[in-house]
Amino acid sequence: MLEMAKGYRLKRSKLYRYASDAVDHGLQYAYRDRKTKKRNYRYLWQIRINAAARAGGITYSRFIEGLKAAKCELDRKALADLAATDAPAFTKLIELAQSALKAKVAAAATASAAA
């Protein structure tokens, strides 16, 4: 336990009772924050994609809907990386999403007209 508490300050690194409490507390934070980290990264990716999509003239939700309609299987991590580093490729994805949305609307219109 004292070995795990190495680097802690004052009594927490020297005395077993305080080291045990500090290590247990630290392990609880580590467990919780491994889950929180995933949530925070997804939120960051959504913000980056939204900013780049709006610069291209489409909202985040419509962009994601268009990509799903086009059966594009890029995840948000890859999309955020493209948005930050490769603007021309992201522009092509925006065009793909917009064309898929137009095709989706046209298919829905013909389906409702046939019914």
Protein backbone atom coordinates (compact mmCIF):
# COMPACT_ATOMS: atom_id res chain seq x y z
CA MET A 1 0.00 0.00 0.00
CA LEU A 2 2.84 2.38 0.83
CA GLU A 3 4.41 1.60 -2.53
CA MET A 4 1.21 2.67 -4.30
CA ALA A 5 1.19 5.87 -2.24
CA LYS A 6 4.67 6.84 -3.41
CA GLY A 7 4.63 10.45 -4.55
CA TYR A 8 1.81 11.46 -2.23
CA ARG A 9 2.53 14.29 0.16
CA LEU A 10 3.16 14.33 3.91
CA LYS A 11 1.56 11.53 6.02
CA ARG A 12 -0.16 10.01 3.01
CA SER A 13 3.10 8.57 1.72
CA LYS A 14 4.67 7.58 5.05
CA LEU A 15 1.98 6.19 7.35
CA TYR A 16 -0.01 3.11 6.37
CA ARG A 17 -3.37 4.28 7.71
CA TYR A 18 -3.35 7.54 5.77
CA ALA A 19 -1.73 5.96 2.72
CA SER A 20 -4.43 3.30 2.58
CA ASP A 21 -7.21 5.90 2.67
CA ALA A 22 -5.51 8.03 0.03
CA VAL A 23 -4.86 5.10 -2.32
CA ASP A 24 -8.42 3.78 -1.98
CA HIS A 25 -9.77 7.24 -2.72
CA GLY A 26 -7.44 7.60 -5.68
CA LEU A 27 -8.50 4.24 -7.12
CA GLN A 28 -12.16 5.24 -6.87
CA TYR A 29 -11.42 8.43 -8.80
CA ALA A 30 -9.45 6.48 -11.40
CA TYR A 31 -12.34 4.05 -11.95
CA ARG A 32 -14.89 6.85 -12.26
CA ASP A 33 -12.75 9.00 -14.51
CA ARG A 34 -12.01 6.21 -16.98
CA LYS A 35 -15.72 6.35 -17.79
CA THR A 36 -15.82 10.16 -17.74
CA LYS A 37 -12.90 10.41 -20.14
CA LYS A 38 -14.85 8.60 -22.85
CA ARG A 39 -17.79 10.97 -22.37
CA ASN A 40 -15.57 14.05 -22.51
CA TYR A 41 -13.83 12.95 -25.71
CA ARG A 42 -17.11 12.26 -27.49
CA TYR A 43 -18.33 15.72 -26.47
CA LEU A 44 -15.12 17.30 -27.79
CA TRP A 45 -15.43 15.43 -31.10
CA GLN A 46 -19.04 16.59 -31.50
CA ILE A 47 -18.01 20.21 -30.95
CA ARG A 48 -15.22 19.97 -33.55
CA ILE A 49 -17.48 18.30 -36.12
CA ASN A 50 -20.25 20.84 -35.51
CA ALA A 51 -17.89 23.78 -35.98
CA ALA A 52 -16.52 22.41 -39.25
CA ALA A 53 -19.96 21.38 -40.50
CA ARG A 54 -21.44 24.80 -39.81
CA ALA A 55 -18.53 26.38 -41.66
CA GLY A 56 -19.61 24.18 -44.58
CA GLY A 57 -23.23 25.31 -44.31
CA ILE A 58 -24.89 22.37 -42.55
CA THR A 59 -25.73 21.62 -38.93
CA TYR A 60 -24.22 18.76 -36.96
CA SER A 61 -27.43 16.75 -36.73
CA ARG A 62 -28.18 17.06 -40.45
CA PHE A 63 -24.56 16.17 -41.26
CA ILE A 64 -24.67 12.99 -39.18
CA GLU A 65 -28.10 12.11 -40.62
CA GLY A 66 -26.73 12.57 -44.14
CA LEU A 67 -23.71 10.40 -43.45
CA LYS A 68 -25.95 7.63 -42.09
CA ALA A 69 -28.18 7.91 -45.17
CA ALA A 70 -25.05 7.64 -47.36
CA LYS A 71 -23.94 4.59 -45.33
CA CYS A 72 -20.66 6.28 -44.42
CA GLU A 73 -19.25 4.40 -41.43
CA LEU A 74 -16.71 6.90 -40.13
CA ASP A 75 -16.91 7.33 -36.38
CA ARG A 76 -16.90 10.69 -34.62
CA LYS A 77 -13.24 10.39 -33.66
CA ALA A 78 -12.19 10.07 -37.32
CA LEU A 79 -14.61 12.80 -38.41
CA ALA A 80 -13.24 15.20 -35.79
CA ASP A 81 -9.69 14.44 -36.91
CA LEU A 82 -10.62 15.15 -40.54
CA ALA A 83 -12.39 18.34 -39.51
CA ALA A 84 -9.29 19.58 -37.68
CA THR A 85 -6.57 18.46 -40.08
CA ASP A 86 -7.99 17.88 -43.58
CA ALA A 87 -10.54 20.52 -44.62
CA PRO A 88 -10.87 19.42 -48.29
CA ALA A 89 -11.72 15.84 -47.28
CA PHE A 90 -14.25 17.10 -44.75
CA THR A 91 -15.80 19.30 -47.45
CA LYS A 92 -16.26 16.18 -49.61
CA LEU A 93 -18.00 14.48 -46.67
CA ILE A 94 -20.32 17.47 -46.31
CA GLU A 95 -21.18 17.23 -50.01
CA LEU A 96 -21.78 13.48 -49.63
CA ALA A 97 -24.11 14.08 -46.67
CA GLN A 98 -26.04 16.81 -48.48
CA SER A 99 -26.55 14.67 -51.59
CA ALA A 100 -27.70 11.72 -49.46
CA LEU A 101 -30.19 13.97 -47.66
CA LYS A 102 -31.59 15.20 -50.98
CA ALA A 103 -31.96 11.60 -52.19
CA LYS A 104 -33.66 10.68 -48.91
CA VAL A 105 -36.17 13.54 -49.27
CA ALA A 106 -36.84 12.63 -52.91
CA ALA A 107 -37.43 8.96 -52.00
CA ALA A 108 -39.83 9.98 -49.25
CA ALA A 109 -41.72 12.27 -51.63
CA THR A 110 -42.15 9.53 -54.23
CA ALA A 111 -43.23 7.04 -51.56
CA SER A 112 -45.88 9.42 -50.24
CA ALA A 113 -47.07 10.24 -53.77
CA ALA A 114 -47.42 6.54 -54.60
CA ALA A 115 -49.49 5.91 -51.47
